[in-house]
Amino acid sequence: MTWTIKFEEKAAKFLKSLNKPQKQQIEAFINELHDTSNPRIKGKALQGRLSSYWCYRVGDYRLICQIKDGELVILVIEIGHRKNIYR
């Protein structure tokens, strides 16, 4: 099963601003998500006001995503450093 990965504008802009090694690390992880049968295995469900989102750890960075099962789409809402992402 192949998932389609889409980016919110803010997440895409942040990804472009990263230096090359960090960007490559995140892109490699996104390619893994693209080919997985169940993207929830690699992530963690968030709680509270963010309960409809999933978090993925990639080094010091976090990807906040929304998984749309009916469409086989993973929407990357935000990417950020682990100390700033949940604020």
PDB file of N, CA and C in Angstrom:
ATOM      1  N   MET A   1       0.846  -1.172   0.000  1.00  0.00           N
ATOM      2  CA  MET A   1       0.000   0.000   0.000  1.00  0.00           C
ATOM      3  C   MET A   1       0.898   1.245   0.000  1.00  0.00           C
ATOM      4  N   THR A   2       0.593   2.186  -0.849  1.00  0.00           N
ATOM      5  CA  THR A   2       1.385   3.405  -0.951  1.00  0.00           C
ATOM      6  C   THR A   2       0.562   4.601  -0.489  1.00  0.00           C
ATOM      7  N   TRP A   3       1.154   5.368   0.397  1.00  0.00           N
ATOM      8  CA  TRP A   3       0.507   6.569   0.925  1.00  0.00           C
ATOM      9  C   TRP A   3       1.007   7.784   0.156  1.00  0.00           C
ATOM     10  N   THR A   4       0.148   8.744  -0.016  1.00  0.00           N
ATOM     11  CA  THR A   4       0.523  10.020  -0.610  1.00  0.00           C
ATOM     12  C   THR A   4       0.893  10.969   0.526  1.00  0.00           C
ATOM     13  N   ILE A   5       2.017  11.644   0.376  1.00  0.00           N
ATOM     14  CA  ILE A   5       2.471  12.594   1.388  1.00  0.00           C
ATOM     15  C   ILE A   5       2.218  14.006   0.859  1.00  0.00           C
ATOM     16  N   LYS A   6       1.499  14.798   1.631  1.00  0.00           N
ATOM     17  CA  LYS A   6       1.244  16.197   1.274  1.00  0.00           C
ATOM     18  C   LYS A   6       1.748  17.085   2.402  1.00  0.00           C
ATOM     19  N   PHE A   7       2.128  18.304   2.054  1.00  0.00           N
ATOM     20  CA  PHE A   7       2.677  19.243   3.021  1.00  0.00           C
ATOM     21  C   PHE A   7       1.836  20.508   3.090  1.00  0.00           C
ATOM     22  N   GLU A   8       1.587  20.968   4.311  1.00  0.00           N
ATOM     23  CA  GLU A   8       1.062  22.319   4.503  1.00  0.00           C
ATOM     24  C   GLU A   8       2.187  23.273   4.107  1.00  0.00           C
ATOM     25  N   GLU A   9       1.843  24.468   3.716  1.00  0.00           N
ATOM     26  CA  GLU A   9       2.838  25.443   3.252  1.00  0.00           C
ATOM     27  C   GLU A   9       3.917  25.717   4.305  1.00  0.00           C
ATOM     28  N   LYS A  10       3.508  25.847   5.563  1.00  0.00           N
ATOM     29  CA  LYS A  10       4.457  26.138   6.644  1.00  0.00           C
ATOM     30  C   LYS A  10       5.477  25.011   6.802  1.00  0.00           C
ATOM     31  N   ALA A  11       5.022  23.766   6.710  1.00  0.00           N
ATOM     32  CA  ALA A  11       5.920  22.614   6.853  1.00  0.00           C
ATOM     33  C   ALA A  11       6.894  22.537   5.683  1.00  0.00           C
ATOM     34  N   ALA A  12       6.408  22.764   4.477  1.00  0.00           N
ATOM     35  CA  ALA A  12       7.271  22.723   3.294  1.00  0.00           C
ATOM     36  C   ALA A  12       8.334  23.815   3.360  1.00  0.00           C
ATOM     37  N   LYS A  13       7.947  24.983   3.811  1.00  0.00           N
ATOM     38  CA  LYS A  13       8.880  26.109   3.931  1.00  0.00           C
ATOM     39  C   LYS A  13       9.967  25.801   4.961  1.00  0.00           C
ATOM     40  N   PHE A  14       9.566  25.207   6.101  1.00  0.00           N
ATOM     41  CA  PHE A  14      10.543  24.864   7.129  1.00  0.00           C
ATOM     42  C   PHE A  14      11.513  23.806   6.609  1.00  0.00           C
ATOM     43  N   LEU A  15      11.006  22.815   5.903  1.00  0.00           N
ATOM     44  CA  LEU A  15      11.861  21.756   5.363  1.00  0.00           C
ATOM     45  C   LEU A  15      12.894  22.339   4.403  1.00  0.00           C
ATOM     46  N   LYS A  16      12.493  23.275   3.576  1.00  0.00           N
ATOM     47  CA  LYS A  16      13.424  23.910   2.638  1.00  0.00           C
ATOM     48  C   LYS A  16      14.496  24.719   3.356  1.00  0.00           C
ATOM     49  N   SER A  17      14.184  25.224   4.551  1.00  0.00           N
ATOM     50  CA  SER A  17      15.130  26.074   5.278  1.00  0.00           C
ATOM     51  C   SER A  17      16.214  25.279   6.011  1.00  0.00           C
ATOM     52  N   LEU A  18      16.035  23.981   6.155  1.00  0.00           N
ATOM     53  CA  LEU A  18      17.006  23.165   6.885  1.00  0.00           C
ATOM     54  C   LEU A  18      18.282  22.974   6.079  1.00  0.00           C
ATOM     55  N   ASN A  19      19.381  22.672   6.805  1.00  0.00           N
ATOM     56  CA  ASN A  19      20.609  22.377   6.083  1.00  0.00           C
ATOM     57  C   ASN A  19      20.512  20.988   5.454  1.00  0.00           C
ATOM     58  N   LYS A  20      21.411  20.688   4.557  1.00  0.00           N
ATOM     59  CA  LYS A  20      21.302  19.496   3.722  1.00  0.00           C
ATOM     60  C   LYS A  20      21.208  18.177   4.504  1.00  0.00           C
ATOM     61  N   PRO A  21      22.068  17.913   5.497  1.00  0.00           N
ATOM     62  CA  PRO A  21      21.962  16.627   6.214  1.00  0.00           C
ATOM     63  C   PRO A  21      20.622  16.442   6.932  1.00  0.00           C
ATOM     64  N   GLN A  22      20.133  17.499   7.566  1.00  0.00           N
ATOM     65  CA  GLN A  22      18.848  17.408   8.270  1.00  0.00           C
ATOM     66  C   GLN A  22      17.711  17.197   7.282  1.00  0.00           C
ATOM     67  N   LYS A  23      17.761  17.913   6.197  1.00  0.00           N
ATOM     68  CA  LYS A  23      16.730  17.796   5.164  1.00  0.00           C
ATOM     69  C   LYS A  23      16.717  16.381   4.580  1.00  0.00           C
ATOM     70  N   GLN A  24      17.892  15.824   4.311  1.00  0.00           N
ATOM     71  CA  GLN A  24      17.982  14.472   3.764  1.00  0.00           C
ATOM     72  C   GLN A  24      17.453  13.437   4.751  1.00  0.00           C
ATOM     73  N   GLN A  25      17.734  13.628   6.031  1.00  0.00           N
ATOM     74  CA  GLN A  25      17.258  12.704   7.057  1.00  0.00           C
ATOM     75  C   GLN A  25      15.727  12.695   7.098  1.00  0.00           C
ATOM     76  N   ILE A  26      15.120  13.860   7.062  1.00  0.00           N
ATOM     77  CA  ILE A  26      13.655  13.954   7.095  1.00  0.00           C
ATOM     78  C   ILE A  26      13.055  13.407   5.804  1.00  0.00           C
ATOM     79  N   GLU A  27      13.660  13.710   4.667  1.00  0.00           N
ATOM     80  CA  GLU A  27      13.148  13.205   3.393  1.00  0.00           C
ATOM     81  C   GLU A  27      13.235  11.682   3.323  1.00  0.00           C
ATOM     82  N   ALA A  28      14.308  11.102   3.869  1.00  0.00           N
ATOM     83  CA  ALA A  28      14.438   9.640   3.896  1.00  0.00           C
ATOM     84  C   ALA A  28      13.328   9.024   4.743  1.00  0.00           C
ATOM     85  N   PHE A  29      13.026   9.646   5.877  1.00  0.00           N
ATOM     86  CA  PHE A  29      11.949   9.146   6.729  1.00  0.00           C
ATOM     87  C   PHE A  29      10.602   9.255   6.013  1.00  0.00           C
ATOM     88  N   ILE A  30      10.374  10.352   5.334  1.00  0.00           N
ATOM     89  CA  ILE A  30       9.117  10.543   4.607  1.00  0.00           C
ATOM     90  C   ILE A  30       8.965   9.482   3.513  1.00  0.00           C
ATOM     91  N   ASN A  31      10.066   9.123   2.867  1.00  0.00           N
ATOM     92  CA  ASN A  31      10.009   8.059   1.860  1.00  0.00           C
ATOM     93  C   ASN A  31       9.645   6.720   2.490  1.00  0.00           C
ATOM     94  N   GLU A  32      10.112   6.465   3.713  1.00  0.00           N
ATOM     95  CA  GLU A  32       9.722   5.248   4.433  1.00  0.00           C
ATOM     96  C   GLU A  32       8.220   5.253   4.701  1.00  0.00           C
ATOM     97  N   LEU A  33       7.694   6.391   5.138  1.00  0.00           N
ATOM     98  CA  LEU A  33       6.255   6.501   5.395  1.00  0.00           C
ATOM     99  C   LEU A  33       5.447   6.267   4.121  1.00  0.00           C
ATOM    100  N   HIS A  34       5.959   6.753   3.027  1.00  0.00           N
ATOM    101  CA  HIS A  34       5.269   6.625   1.740  1.00  0.00           C
ATOM    102  C   HIS A  34       5.006   5.161   1.401  1.00  0.00           C
ATOM    103  N   ASP A  35       5.944   4.283   1.724  1.00  0.00           N
ATOM    104  CA  ASP A  35       5.859   2.879   1.330  1.00  0.00           C
ATOM    105  C   ASP A  35       5.328   1.946   2.414  1.00  0.00           C
ATOM    106  N   THR A  36       5.049   2.456   3.590  1.00  0.00           N
ATOM    107  CA  THR A  36       4.601   1.590   4.677  1.00  0.00           C
ATOM    108  C   THR A  36       3.121   1.233   4.530  1.00  0.00           C
ATOM    109  N   SER A  37       2.754   0.092   5.076  1.00  0.00           N
ATOM    110  CA  SER A  37       1.341  -0.303   5.013  1.00  0.00           C
ATOM    111  C   SER A  37       0.530   0.364   6.120  1.00  0.00           C
ATOM    112  N   ASN A  38       1.189   0.668   7.250  1.00  0.00           N
ATOM    113  CA  ASN A  38       0.497   1.320   8.365  1.00  0.00           C
ATOM    114  C   ASN A  38       1.411   2.389   8.963  1.00  0.00           C
ATOM    115  N   PRO A  39       1.202   3.654   8.627  1.00  0.00           N
ATOM    116  CA  PRO A  39       2.090   4.714   9.115  1.00  0.00           C
ATOM    117  C   PRO A  39       2.010   4.934  10.627  1.00  0.00           C
ATOM    118  N   ARG A  40       0.993   4.416  11.275  1.00  0.00           N
ATOM    119  CA  ARG A  40       0.853   4.596  12.722  1.00  0.00           C
ATOM    120  C   ARG A  40       1.913   3.822  13.511  1.00  0.00           C
ATOM    121  N   ILE A  41       2.470   2.788  12.916  1.00  0.00           N
ATOM    122  CA  ILE A  41       3.485   1.982  13.593  1.00  0.00           C
ATOM    123  C   ILE A  41       4.723   2.819  13.907  1.00  0.00           C
ATOM    124  N   LYS A  42       5.064   3.749  13.038  1.00  0.00           N
ATOM    125  CA  LYS A  42       6.280   4.551  13.193  1.00  0.00           C
ATOM    126  C   LYS A  42       6.073   5.826  13.996  1.00  0.00           C
ATOM    127  N   GLY A  43       4.826   6.108  14.389  1.00  0.00           N
ATOM    128  CA  GLY A  43       4.543   7.360  15.078  1.00  0.00           C
ATOM    129  C   GLY A  43       3.869   7.170  16.411  1.00  0.00           C
ATOM    130  N   LYS A  44       3.454   8.295  16.971  1.00  0.00           N
ATOM    131  CA  LYS A  44       2.792   8.313  18.272  1.00  0.00           C
ATOM    132  C   LYS A  44       1.568   9.230  18.168  1.00  0.00           C
ATOM    133  N   ALA A  45       0.443   8.729  18.646  1.00  0.00           N
ATOM    134  CA  ALA A  45      -0.773   9.546  18.652  1.00  0.00           C
ATOM    135  C   ALA A  45      -0.628  10.638  19.702  1.00  0.00           C
ATOM    136  N   LEU A  46      -0.990  11.847  19.339  1.00  0.00           N
ATOM    137  CA  LEU A  46      -0.944  12.950  20.290  1.00  0.00           C
ATOM    138  C   LEU A  46      -2.224  12.963  21.114  1.00  0.00           C
ATOM    139  N   GLN A  47      -2.188  13.689  22.212  1.00  0.00           N
ATOM    140  CA  GLN A  47      -3.325  13.722  23.127  1.00  0.00           C
ATOM    141  C   GLN A  47      -3.810  15.149  23.328  1.00  0.00           C
ATOM    142  N   GLY A  48      -4.925  15.274  24.007  1.00  0.00           N
ATOM    143  CA  GLY A  48      -5.469  16.594  24.321  1.00  0.00           C
ATOM    144  C   GLY A  48      -6.000  17.289  23.087  1.00  0.00           C
ATOM    145  N   ARG A  49      -5.690  18.573  22.962  1.00  0.00           N
ATOM    146  CA  ARG A  49      -6.211  19.355  21.836  1.00  0.00           C
ATOM    147  C   ARG A  49      -5.613  18.930  20.498  1.00  0.00           C
ATOM    148  N   LEU A  50      -4.566  18.135  20.535  1.00  0.00           N
ATOM    149  CA  LEU A  50      -3.925  17.651  19.304  1.00  0.00           C
ATOM    150  C   LEU A  50      -4.248  16.183  19.030  1.00  0.00           C
ATOM    151  N   SER A  51      -5.327  15.684  19.603  1.00  0.00           N
ATOM    152  CA  SER A  51      -5.620  14.247  19.546  1.00  0.00           C
ATOM    153  C   SER A  51      -5.898  13.709  18.142  1.00  0.00           C
ATOM    154  N   SER A  52      -6.150  14.551  17.185  1.00  0.00           N
ATOM    155  CA  SER A  52      -6.390  14.067  15.825  1.00  0.00           C
ATOM    156  C   SER A  52      -5.101  14.011  14.994  1.00  0.00           C
ATOM    157  N   TYR A  53      -3.957  14.256  15.642  1.00  0.00           N
ATOM    158  CA  TYR A  53      -2.681  14.294  14.939  1.00  0.00           C
ATOM    159  C   TYR A  53      -1.734  13.211  15.441  1.00  0.00           C
ATOM    160  N   TRP A  54      -0.721  12.949  14.617  1.00  0.00           N
ATOM    161  CA  TRP A  54       0.318  11.982  14.948  1.00  0.00           C
ATOM    162  C   TRP A  54       1.666  12.682  14.912  1.00  0.00           C
ATOM    163  N   CYS A  55       2.593  12.212  15.750  1.00  0.00           N
ATOM    164  CA  CYS A  55       3.932  12.780  15.811  1.00  0.00           C
ATOM    165  C   CYS A  55       4.939  11.720  15.376  1.00  0.00           C
ATOM    166  N   TYR A  56       5.888  12.143  14.573  1.00  0.00           N
ATOM    167  CA  TYR A  56       6.976  11.267  14.155  1.00  0.00           C
ATOM    168  C   TYR A  56       8.292  11.904  14.573  1.00  0.00           C
ATOM    169  N   ARG A  57       9.169  11.104  15.158  1.00  0.00           N
ATOM    170  CA  ARG A  57      10.490  11.574  15.578  1.00  0.00           C
ATOM    171  C   ARG A  57      11.497  11.295  14.474  1.00  0.00           C
ATOM    172  N   VAL A  58      12.220  12.333  14.096  1.00  0.00           N
ATOM    173  CA  VAL A  58      13.285  12.196  13.108  1.00  0.00           C
ATOM    174  C   VAL A  58      14.481  12.972  13.645  1.00  0.00           C
ATOM    175  N   GLY A  59      15.375  12.284  14.323  1.00  0.00           N
ATOM    176  CA  GLY A  59      16.501  12.954  14.965  1.00  0.00           C
ATOM    177  C   GLY A  59      15.995  13.943  15.998  1.00  0.00           C
ATOM    178  N   ASP A  60      16.441  15.184  15.914  1.00  0.00           N
ATOM    179  CA  ASP A  60      16.009  16.236  16.838  1.00  0.00           C
ATOM    180  C   ASP A  60      14.741  16.940  16.362  1.00  0.00           C
ATOM    181  N   TYR A  61      14.176  16.482  15.273  1.00  0.00           N
ATOM    182  CA  TYR A  61      13.002  17.133  14.696  1.00  0.00           C
ATOM    183  C   TYR A  61      11.752  16.275  14.852  1.00  0.00           C
ATOM    184  N   ARG A  62      10.613  16.936  14.832  1.00  0.00           N
ATOM    185  CA  ARG A  62       9.324  16.259  14.946  1.00  0.00           C
ATOM    186  C   ARG A  62       8.448  16.675  13.771  1.00  0.00           C
ATOM    187  N   LEU A  63       7.714  15.708  13.257  1.00  0.00           N
ATOM    188  CA  LEU A  63       6.739  15.959  12.202  1.00  0.00           C
ATOM    189  C   LEU A  63       5.363  15.760  12.808  1.00  0.00           C
ATOM    190  N   ILE A  64       4.524  16.756  12.721  1.00  0.00           N
ATOM    191  CA  ILE A  64       3.140  16.652  13.180  1.00  0.00           C
ATOM    192  C   ILE A  64       2.295  16.419  11.928  1.00  0.00           C
ATOM    193  N   CYS A  65       1.576  15.297  11.927  1.00  0.00           N
ATOM    194  CA  CYS A  65       0.851  14.881  10.728  1.00  0.00           C
ATOM    195  C   CYS A  65      -0.583  14.499  11.042  1.00  0.00           C
ATOM    196  N   GLN A  66      -1.391  14.544  10.019  1.00  0.00           N
ATOM    197  CA  GLN A  66      -2.759  14.060  10.095  1.00  0.00           C
ATOM    198  C   GLN A  66      -2.865  12.922   9.086  1.00  0.00           C
ATOM    199  N   ILE A  67      -3.386  11.784   9.529  1.00  0.00           N
ATOM    200  CA  ILE A  67      -3.507  10.614   8.665  1.00  0.00           C
ATOM    201  C   ILE A  67      -4.953  10.504   8.193  1.00  0.00           C
ATOM    202  N   LYS A  68      -5.123  10.480   6.886  1.00  0.00           N
ATOM    203  CA  LYS A  68      -6.460  10.375   6.289  1.00  0.00           C
ATOM    204  C   LYS A  68      -6.579   9.001   5.634  1.00  0.00           C
ATOM    205  N   ASP A  69      -7.147   8.045   6.381  1.00  0.00           N
ATOM    206  CA  ASP A  69      -7.218   6.661   5.919  1.00  0.00           C
ATOM    207  C   ASP A  69      -8.016   6.488   4.634  1.00  0.00           C
ATOM    208  N   GLY A  70      -9.149   7.142   4.523  1.00  0.00           N
ATOM    209  CA  GLY A  70     -10.009   6.978   3.357  1.00  0.00           C
ATOM    210  C   GLY A  70      -9.346   7.384   2.053  1.00  0.00           C
ATOM    211  N   GLU A  71      -8.403   8.309   2.131  1.00  0.00           N
ATOM    212  CA  GLU A  71      -7.727   8.828   0.939  1.00  0.00           C
ATOM    213  C   GLU A  71      -6.301   8.306   0.805  1.00  0.00           C
ATOM    214  N   LEU A  72      -5.804   7.577   1.812  1.00  0.00           N
ATOM    215  CA  LEU A  72      -4.411   7.133   1.877  1.00  0.00           C
ATOM    216  C   LEU A  72      -3.456   8.324   1.757  1.00  0.00           C
ATOM    217  N   VAL A  73      -3.726   9.344   2.574  1.00  0.00           N
ATOM    218  CA  VAL A  73      -2.934  10.577   2.565  1.00  0.00           C
ATOM    219  C   VAL A  73      -2.382  10.835   3.961  1.00  0.00           C
ATOM    220  N   ILE A  74      -1.107  11.208   4.013  1.00  0.00           N
ATOM    221  CA  ILE A  74      -0.491  11.700   5.242  1.00  0.00           C
ATOM    222  C   ILE A  74      -0.207  13.176   4.996  1.00  0.00           C
ATOM    223  N   LEU A  75      -0.862  14.032   5.759  1.00  0.00           N
ATOM    224  CA  LEU A  75      -0.704  15.474   5.610  1.00  0.00           C
ATOM    225  C   LEU A  75       0.252  15.971   6.686  1.00  0.00           C
ATOM    226  N   VAL A  76       1.413  16.472   6.269  1.00  0.00           N
ATOM    227  CA  VAL A  76       2.403  17.007   7.205  1.00  0.00           C
ATOM    228  C   VAL A  76       1.977  18.433   7.535  1.00  0.00           C
ATOM    229  N   ILE A  77       1.541  18.625   8.774  1.00  0.00           N
ATOM    230  CA  ILE A  77       1.034  19.918   9.222  1.00  0.00           C
ATOM    231  C   ILE A  77       2.173  20.850   9.604  1.00  0.00           C
ATOM    232  N   GLU A  78       3.132  20.308  10.356  1.00  0.00           N
ATOM    233  CA  GLU A  78       4.222  21.151  10.843  1.00  0.00           C
ATOM    234  C   GLU A  78       5.465  20.309  11.077  1.00  0.00           C
ATOM    235  N   ILE A  79       6.626  20.917  10.856  1.00  0.00           N
ATOM    236  CA  ILE A  79       7.918  20.314  11.152  1.00  0.00           C
ATOM    237  C   ILE A  79       8.650  21.309  12.030  1.00  0.00           C
ATOM    238  N   GLY A  80       9.297  20.812  13.080  1.00  0.00           N
ATOM    239  CA  GLY A  80      10.038  21.718  13.950  1.00  0.00           C
ATOM    240  C   GLY A  80      10.979  20.979  14.870  1.00  0.00           C
ATOM    241  N   HIS A  81      11.849  21.735  15.521  1.00  0.00           N
ATOM    242  CA  HIS A  81      12.768  21.163  16.494  1.00  0.00           C
ATOM    243  C   HIS A  81      11.974  20.667  17.696  1.00  0.00           C
ATOM    244  N   ARG A  82      12.454  19.630  18.312  1.00  0.00           N
ATOM    245  CA  ARG A  82      11.709  18.982  19.402  1.00  0.00           C
ATOM    246  C   ARG A  82      11.407  19.917  20.566  1.00  0.00           C
ATOM    247  N   LYS A  83      12.236  20.922  20.814  1.00  0.00           N
ATOM    248  CA  LYS A  83      11.983  21.807  21.958  1.00  0.00           C
ATOM    249  C   LYS A  83      10.949  22.894  21.651  1.00  0.00           C
ATOM    250  N   ASN A  84      10.626  23.091  20.365  1.00  0.00           N
ATOM    251  CA  ASN A  84       9.695  24.162  19.995  1.00  0.00           C
ATOM    252  C   ASN A  84       8.385  23.688  19.374  1.00  0.00           C
ATOM    253  N   ILE A  85       8.303  22.459  18.974  1.00  0.00           N
ATOM    254  CA  ILE A  85       7.207  22.010  18.120  1.00  0.00           C
ATOM    255  C   ILE A  85       5.843  22.027  18.801  1.00  0.00           C
ATOM    256  N   TYR A  86       5.758  21.775  20.080  1.00  0.00           N
ATOM    257  CA  TYR A  86       4.461  21.638  20.739  1.00  0.00           C
ATOM    258  C   TYR A  86       3.923  22.952  21.301  1.00  0.00           C
ATOM    259  N   ARG A  87       4.635  24.037  21.103  1.00  0.00           N
ATOM    260  CA  ARG A  87       4.214  25.339  21.652  1.00  0.00           C
ATOM    261  C   ARG A  87       3.214  26.024  20.773  1.00  0.00           C
TER     262      ARG A  87
END
